[in-house]
Amino acid sequence: MLMKRILQSSLVFQHIVENMHDGVLTIDHSGIITTLNPAAERILEMDKNQILDKKLSEVFFNYRENDDFNQIILDAVYDASLSHHKICDFYTGEHYKSLFMTTSFLKIQTEDEQESIGVTVLFSDVTELMELRDAAVAFDKIKVLNQQLERLSYLDDLTDLPNRRFFNDARNREWHRAIRGQKSLAFIMIDIDYFKELNDSQGHQAGDACLVAVARTIKNALRRPYDLAARYGGDEFIAIIPDSDITAARTIAQTMRQDLLDLNIENICSPFGIITASIGIAAQKPLQGSHPEELLRDVDEALYRAKQNGRNQISE
């Protein structure tokens, strides 16, 4: 009766192992492979007749790519009391695979205690999952890079302000928003006085430093999160001030002009001795069918008047 139960248990165990989707290896403490199920043959692309009763070193040590695979098994063989779980690479000689491996001790019950007779190695082919994971990681990286590229395409690389392209998009949005809300919209255009002369006499490094300082000052003069300052081109900057009339624009422009004077950046080519700015302001309540170019023309003409009238001033 006892022998019958042992035989039945053995057959059940064999049936389970033979039909498992995961690969199963058993290895004794001498490093001899004692069991290899069909799933293991399929995953490892090996014939069990070429593996069974052979040493690990004769079977799996052919490729350097399998060092991790071999080390996990060796760790288990030499210290079978530990359980190991790891994803590692495996090279079959033709294909690269990713295997999720689990090792544990293999034991039998003796009269007085359980005796370890080797290790069991279970492994799953997770190549497709790893490829999907890698693809997902790659996709996330590409997404981030695209966002960075998109951001760079709208930013001026020197001043870190939005560039003219971004301004044009924002201008159109704010114009149509002002039409819908029947609100006034203001533009402020700023031109650094005698900048070309400074750039020519003191060099591009001094010119770039001046542009960065001016950009930061203009941006800081805007207090609301939806006000926008942009580099319009060269030494010109422009600001969009939504829901604002000419009085509000003038107040902001006065702050900009004074803050630029307070920078006290030397410009020996200017009759003022320091960096100053000519500023044009314009405001309009857009009507249906109108175009933002109208307000842009008005602010450009205001800036022209400020320069013609002696610079370092605000005109509207």
Protein backbone atom coordinates (compact mmCIF):
# COMPACT_ATOMS: atom_id res chain seq x y z
CA MET A 1 0.00 0.00 0.00
CA LEU A 2 2.81 2.40 0.91
CA MET A 3 4.72 1.57 -2.29
CA LYS A 4 1.55 2.16 -4.30
CA ARG A 5 1.12 5.64 -2.78
CA ILE A 6 4.76 6.46 -3.40
CA LEU A 7 4.40 5.36 -7.02
CA GLN A 8 1.22 7.38 -7.42
CA SER A 9 2.86 10.47 -5.92
CA SER A 10 5.80 10.02 -8.21
CA LEU A 11 3.57 9.74 -11.27
CA VAL A 12 1.56 12.81 -10.25
CA PHE A 13 4.76 14.79 -9.72
CA GLN A 14 6.10 13.65 -13.08
CA HIS A 15 2.84 14.58 -14.81
CA ILE A 16 2.86 18.06 -13.27
CA VAL A 17 6.48 18.70 -14.18
CA GLU A 18 6.08 17.36 -17.71
CA ASN A 19 3.09 19.62 -18.38
CA MET A 20 4.31 22.81 -16.75
CA HIS A 21 4.57 25.91 -18.90
CA ASP A 22 7.70 26.95 -16.98
CA GLY A 23 11.03 25.22 -17.44
CA VAL A 24 12.24 22.92 -14.65
CA LEU A 25 15.81 21.78 -13.97
CA THR A 26 16.96 19.76 -11.01
CA ILE A 27 20.64 19.56 -10.17
CA ASP A 28 22.36 17.56 -7.47
CA HIS A 29 25.12 18.88 -5.22
CA SER A 30 27.75 17.58 -7.62
CA GLY A 31 26.41 19.84 -10.34
CA ILE A 32 24.84 16.99 -12.33
CA ILE A 33 21.59 17.76 -14.15
CA THR A 34 19.00 15.18 -13.05
CA THR A 35 15.72 16.53 -14.48
CA LEU A 36 14.76 18.56 -17.52
CA ASN A 37 11.11 18.99 -18.51
CA PRO A 38 9.76 19.67 -22.04
CA ALA A 39 9.22 23.36 -21.30
CA ALA A 40 12.89 23.68 -20.36
CA GLU A 41 13.88 22.01 -23.63
CA ARG A 42 11.72 24.47 -25.55
CA ILE A 43 12.91 27.56 -23.70
CA LEU A 44 16.60 26.64 -23.68
CA GLU A 45 16.37 25.17 -27.20
CA MET A 46 18.20 22.03 -26.03
CA ASP A 47 17.49 18.31 -26.25
CA LYS A 48 17.28 16.62 -22.85
CA ASN A 49 19.24 13.67 -24.22
CA GLN A 50 22.19 16.02 -24.58
CA ILE A 51 21.78 17.43 -21.07
CA LEU A 52 20.59 14.86 -18.59
CA ASP A 53 23.26 13.31 -16.35
CA LYS A 54 25.82 15.86 -17.50
CA LYS A 55 27.58 18.53 -15.46
CA LEU A 56 26.49 22.13 -15.65
CA SER A 57 29.90 23.13 -16.92
CA GLU A 58 29.55 20.79 -19.90
CA VAL A 59 26.20 22.20 -20.93
CA PHE A 60 25.78 25.85 -20.05
CA PHE A 61 29.28 27.32 -19.93
CA ASN A 62 29.67 27.69 -23.70
CA TYR A 63 28.62 31.33 -23.96
CA ARG A 64 29.80 34.29 -21.94
CA GLU A 65 26.32 35.80 -22.30
CA ASN A 66 25.05 33.11 -19.91
CA ASP A 67 27.33 34.02 -17.00
CA ASP A 68 24.43 35.37 -14.89
CA PHE A 69 22.31 32.29 -15.60
CA ASN A 70 25.15 29.99 -14.55
CA GLN A 71 26.00 32.02 -11.45
CA ILE A 72 22.44 31.86 -10.14
CA ILE A 73 22.46 28.09 -10.43
CA LEU A 74 25.93 27.77 -8.87
CA ASP A 75 24.91 30.00 -5.97
CA ALA A 76 21.98 27.69 -5.33
CA VAL A 77 24.08 24.53 -5.64
CA TYR A 78 26.67 25.74 -3.15
CA ASP A 79 24.14 27.25 -0.76
CA ALA A 80 20.89 25.40 -1.40
CA SER A 81 19.22 26.82 1.70
CA LEU A 82 18.85 30.18 -0.06
CA SER A 83 16.13 30.95 -2.57
CA HIS A 84 17.11 33.14 -5.50
CA HIS A 85 14.84 35.16 -7.81
CA LYS A 86 16.28 37.06 -10.73
CA ILE A 87 15.76 38.01 -14.35
CA CYS A 88 18.80 37.22 -16.47
CA ASP A 89 19.81 36.89 -20.10
CA PHE A 90 20.23 33.55 -21.81
CA TYR A 91 21.75 32.88 -25.22
CA THR A 92 20.69 29.65 -26.92
CA GLY A 93 23.28 29.87 -29.66
CA GLU A 94 20.72 31.42 -31.99
CA HIS A 95 18.43 33.58 -29.88
CA TYR A 96 18.74 35.94 -26.94
CA LYS A 97 16.13 35.47 -24.25
CA SER A 98 15.19 36.95 -20.90
CA LEU A 99 14.45 34.38 -18.20
CA PHE A 100 12.86 34.86 -14.81
CA MET A 101 14.60 32.31 -12.58
CA THR A 102 13.72 30.93 -9.17
CA THR A 103 15.96 28.46 -7.34
CA SER A 104 15.21 26.51 -4.19
CA PHE A 105 16.55 23.45 -2.41
CA LEU A 106 15.35 19.96 -3.34
CA LYS A 107 14.88 17.66 -0.37
CA ILE A 108 13.64 14.22 0.66
CA GLN A 109 12.27 13.05 3.97
CA THR A 110 14.47 10.52 5.78
CA GLU A 111 13.60 8.77 9.01
CA ASP A 112 14.69 11.62 11.26
CA GLU A 113 14.95 14.74 9.09
CA GLN A 114 14.71 16.27 5.68
CA GLU A 115 17.82 15.86 3.57
CA SER A 116 18.81 18.25 0.80
CA ILE A 117 19.76 16.40 -2.36
CA GLY A 118 20.18 19.32 -4.74
CA VAL A 119 18.39 22.32 -6.15
CA THR A 120 15.37 22.99 -8.31
CA VAL A 121 15.59 25.70 -10.95
CA LEU A 122 12.33 27.09 -12.32
CA PHE A 123 12.43 29.60 -15.15
CA SER A 124 9.95 31.44 -17.37
CA ASP A 125 10.59 33.00 -20.75
CA VAL A 126 9.80 36.68 -20.19
CA THR A 127 11.49 37.93 -23.35
CA GLU A 128 8.33 39.48 -24.78
CA LEU A 129 7.49 41.15 -21.47
CA MET A 130 10.98 42.62 -21.22
CA GLU A 131 10.76 43.81 -24.81
CA LEU A 132 7.43 45.46 -24.02
CA ARG A 133 8.93 47.02 -20.90
CA ASP A 134 11.93 48.27 -22.86
CA ALA A 135 9.62 49.57 -25.56
CA ALA A 136 7.55 51.37 -22.91
CA VAL A 137 10.69 52.89 -21.39
CA ALA A 138 11.90 53.91 -24.84
CA PHE A 139 8.49 55.40 -25.63
CA ASP A 140 8.55 57.40 -22.39
CA LYS A 141 12.04 58.66 -23.23
CA ILE A 142 10.94 59.62 -26.74
CA LYS A 143 7.90 61.37 -25.30
CA VAL A 144 10.07 63.38 -22.91
CA LEU A 145 12.53 64.23 -25.70
CA ASN A 146 9.67 65.36 -27.93
CA GLN A 147 8.35 67.55 -25.13
CA GLN A 148 11.82 69.03 -24.67
CA LEU A 149 12.16 69.62 -28.41
CA GLU A 150 8.71 71.19 -28.50
CA ARG A 151 9.68 73.43 -25.60
CA LEU A 152 12.96 74.40 -27.27
CA SER A 153 11.16 75.21 -30.51
CA TYR A 154 9.18 77.87 -28.65
CA LEU A 155 12.01 79.28 -26.51
CA ASP A 156 14.77 81.70 -27.25
CA ASP A 157 17.94 79.81 -26.33
CA LEU A 158 19.79 82.87 -25.01
CA THR A 159 17.23 84.60 -22.83
CA ASP A 160 15.00 81.58 -22.11
CA LEU A 161 11.99 83.74 -22.96
CA PRO A 162 9.36 82.56 -25.43
CA ASN A 163 10.44 83.32 -28.98
CA ARG A 164 8.59 85.10 -31.77
CA ARG A 165 6.90 81.88 -32.89
CA PHE A 166 5.41 81.39 -29.43
CA PHE A 167 4.44 85.06 -29.28
CA ASN A 168 2.54 84.79 -32.57
CA ASP A 169 0.54 81.81 -31.28
CA ALA A 170 -0.16 83.50 -27.94
CA ARG A 171 -1.09 86.76 -29.66
CA ASN A 172 -3.73 85.02 -31.77
CA ARG A 173 -5.15 83.14 -28.78
CA GLU A 174 -5.38 86.24 -26.60
CA TRP A 175 -6.88 88.26 -29.44
CA HIS A 176 -9.75 85.81 -29.93
CA ARG A 177 -10.19 85.46 -26.16
CA ALA A 178 -10.49 89.26 -25.90
CA ILE A 179 -13.13 89.25 -28.67
CA ARG A 180 -15.17 86.58 -26.89
CA GLY A 181 -14.91 88.32 -23.53
CA GLN A 182 -15.20 91.86 -24.97
CA LYS A 183 -12.03 92.78 -23.09
CA SER A 184 -9.21 95.15 -23.89
CA LEU A 185 -5.81 93.74 -24.86
CA ALA A 186 -2.49 95.60 -24.54
CA PHE A 187 0.92 95.16 -26.14
CA ILE A 188 4.20 96.60 -24.86
CA MET A 189 7.18 96.68 -27.22
CA ILE A 190 10.67 97.33 -25.84
CA ASP A 191 13.82 98.18 -27.77
CA ILE A 192 17.25 98.49 -26.09
CA ASP A 193 18.74 101.87 -26.92
CA TYR A 194 22.10 101.87 -28.74
CA PHE A 195 22.42 98.12 -28.39
CA LYS A 196 24.12 97.61 -31.77
CA GLU A 197 26.79 100.11 -30.80
CA LEU A 198 27.34 98.34 -27.46
CA ASN A 199 27.56 94.97 -29.19
CA ASP A 200 30.06 96.26 -31.77
CA SER A 201 32.28 98.09 -29.29
CA GLN A 202 32.21 95.77 -26.27
CA GLY A 203 31.78 92.43 -28.02
CA HIS A 204 29.07 89.80 -28.31
CA GLN A 205 29.70 88.46 -24.82
CA ALA A 206 28.79 91.82 -23.29
CA GLY A 207 25.84 92.08 -25.66
CA ASP A 208 24.53 88.66 -24.70
CA ALA A 209 24.89 89.44 -20.99
CA CYS A 210 22.92 92.65 -21.56
CA LEU A 211 20.13 90.80 -23.39
CA VAL A 212 19.83 88.21 -20.63
CA ALA A 213 19.62 90.90 -17.93
CA VAL A 214 17.05 92.92 -19.87
CA ALA A 215 14.93 89.81 -20.57
CA ARG A 216 14.90 88.89 -16.89
CA THR A 217 13.94 92.44 -15.90
CA ILE A 218 11.09 92.64 -18.40
CA LYS A 219 9.74 89.26 -17.30
CA ASN A 220 9.90 90.23 -13.61
CA ALA A 221 7.88 93.38 -14.29
CA LEU A 222 4.91 91.22 -15.24
CA ARG A 223 3.00 90.24 -12.12
CA ARG A 224 0.17 88.06 -13.43
CA PRO A 225 0.76 84.47 -14.55
CA TYR A 226 -1.04 85.00 -17.86
CA ASP A 227 0.98 88.11 -18.84
CA LEU A 228 3.64 87.11 -21.35
CA ALA A 229 7.02 88.54 -22.30
CA ALA A 230 8.82 87.29 -25.41
CA ARG A 231 11.95 88.04 -27.38
CA TYR A 232 10.65 89.55 -30.59
CA GLY A 233 13.98 89.62 -32.37
CA GLY A 234 17.49 91.01 -31.93
CA ASP A 235 17.29 93.61 -29.18
CA GLU A 236 13.49 93.90 -29.27
CA PHE A 237 11.11 92.40 -26.73
CA ILE A 238 7.34 92.39 -26.58
CA ALA A 239 4.78 91.75 -23.85
CA ILE A 240 1.14 90.72 -24.08
CA ILE A 241 -1.05 92.06 -21.28
CA PRO A 242 -4.55 90.52 -21.46
CA ASP A 243 -7.60 92.23 -20.01
CA SER A 244 -5.73 95.55 -19.77
CA ASP A 245 -6.25 99.04 -21.16
CA ILE A 246 -3.65 101.67 -22.06
CA THR A 247 -3.45 102.92 -18.44
CA ALA A 248 -2.52 99.47 -17.13
CA ALA A 249 -0.01 99.04 -19.95
CA ARG A 250 1.57 102.40 -19.14
CA THR A 251 2.01 101.46 -15.48
CA ILE A 252 3.78 98.22 -16.40
CA ALA A 253 5.93 99.99 -19.01
CA GLN A 254 7.01 102.59 -16.43
CA THR A 255 8.06 99.78 -14.09
CA MET A 256 10.04 98.14 -16.89
CA ARG A 257 11.79 101.37 -17.84
CA GLN A 258 12.75 102.19 -14.25
CA ASP A 259 13.90 98.65 -13.47
CA LEU A 260 16.12 98.70 -16.56
CA LEU A 261 17.67 101.97 -15.42
CA ASP A 262 18.26 100.45 -11.97
CA LEU A 263 20.34 97.69 -13.56
CA ASN A 264 22.93 100.41 -14.19
CA ILE A 265 24.58 98.44 -16.98
CA GLU A 266 27.28 100.59 -18.57
CA ASN A 267 26.93 101.54 -22.23
CA ILE A 268 29.66 103.93 -23.27
CA CYS A 269 28.07 104.26 -26.70
CA SER A 270 24.90 105.77 -25.26
CA PRO A 271 24.51 109.46 -24.33
CA PHE A 272 22.83 108.20 -21.15
CA GLY A 273 25.95 106.25 -20.18
CA ILE A 274 23.94 103.17 -19.21
CA ILE A 275 21.49 100.74 -20.76
CA THR A 276 18.09 102.34 -21.40
CA ALA A 277 15.06 101.34 -23.43
CA SER A 278 12.55 102.90 -25.75
CA ILE A 279 9.07 101.54 -25.10
CA GLY A 280 5.89 101.64 -27.15
CA ILE A 281 2.49 100.78 -25.73
CA ALA A 282 -0.88 100.21 -27.37
CA ALA A 283 -4.24 98.78 -26.31
CA GLN A 284 -7.42 97.89 -28.11
CA LYS A 285 -10.74 96.17 -27.53
CA PRO A 286 -10.84 93.82 -30.51
CA LEU A 287 -13.98 93.51 -32.57
CA GLN A 288 -15.26 90.47 -34.43
CA GLY A 289 -13.47 90.22 -37.77
CA SER A 290 -10.47 92.31 -36.67
CA HIS A 291 -6.89 91.02 -36.71
CA PRO A 292 -4.10 91.26 -34.08
CA GLU A 293 -1.81 92.76 -36.72
CA GLU A 294 -3.72 95.99 -36.15
CA LEU A 295 -2.58 96.23 -32.53
CA LEU A 296 0.90 95.07 -33.45
CA ARG A 297 1.14 97.89 -35.98
CA ASP A 298 -0.03 100.41 -33.38
CA VAL A 299 2.56 99.33 -30.78
CA ASP A 300 5.32 99.29 -33.40
CA GLU A 301 4.44 102.86 -34.41
CA ALA A 302 4.43 103.89 -30.73
CA LEU A 303 7.90 102.41 -30.29
CA TYR A 304 9.09 104.29 -33.38
CA ARG A 305 7.85 107.57 -31.87
CA ALA A 306 9.68 106.85 -28.61
CA LYS A 307 12.92 106.38 -30.51
CA GLN A 308 12.38 109.41 -32.75
CA ASN A 309 11.67 111.60 -29.72
CA GLY A 310 15.03 110.91 -28.07
CA ARG A 311 14.76 107.33 -26.73
CA ASN A 312 14.73 106.26 -23.07
CA GLN A 313 11.02 106.99 -22.88
CA ILE A 314 7.52 105.58 -23.27
CA SER A 315 5.24 106.48 -26.14
CA GLU A 316 1.70 105.45 -27.03
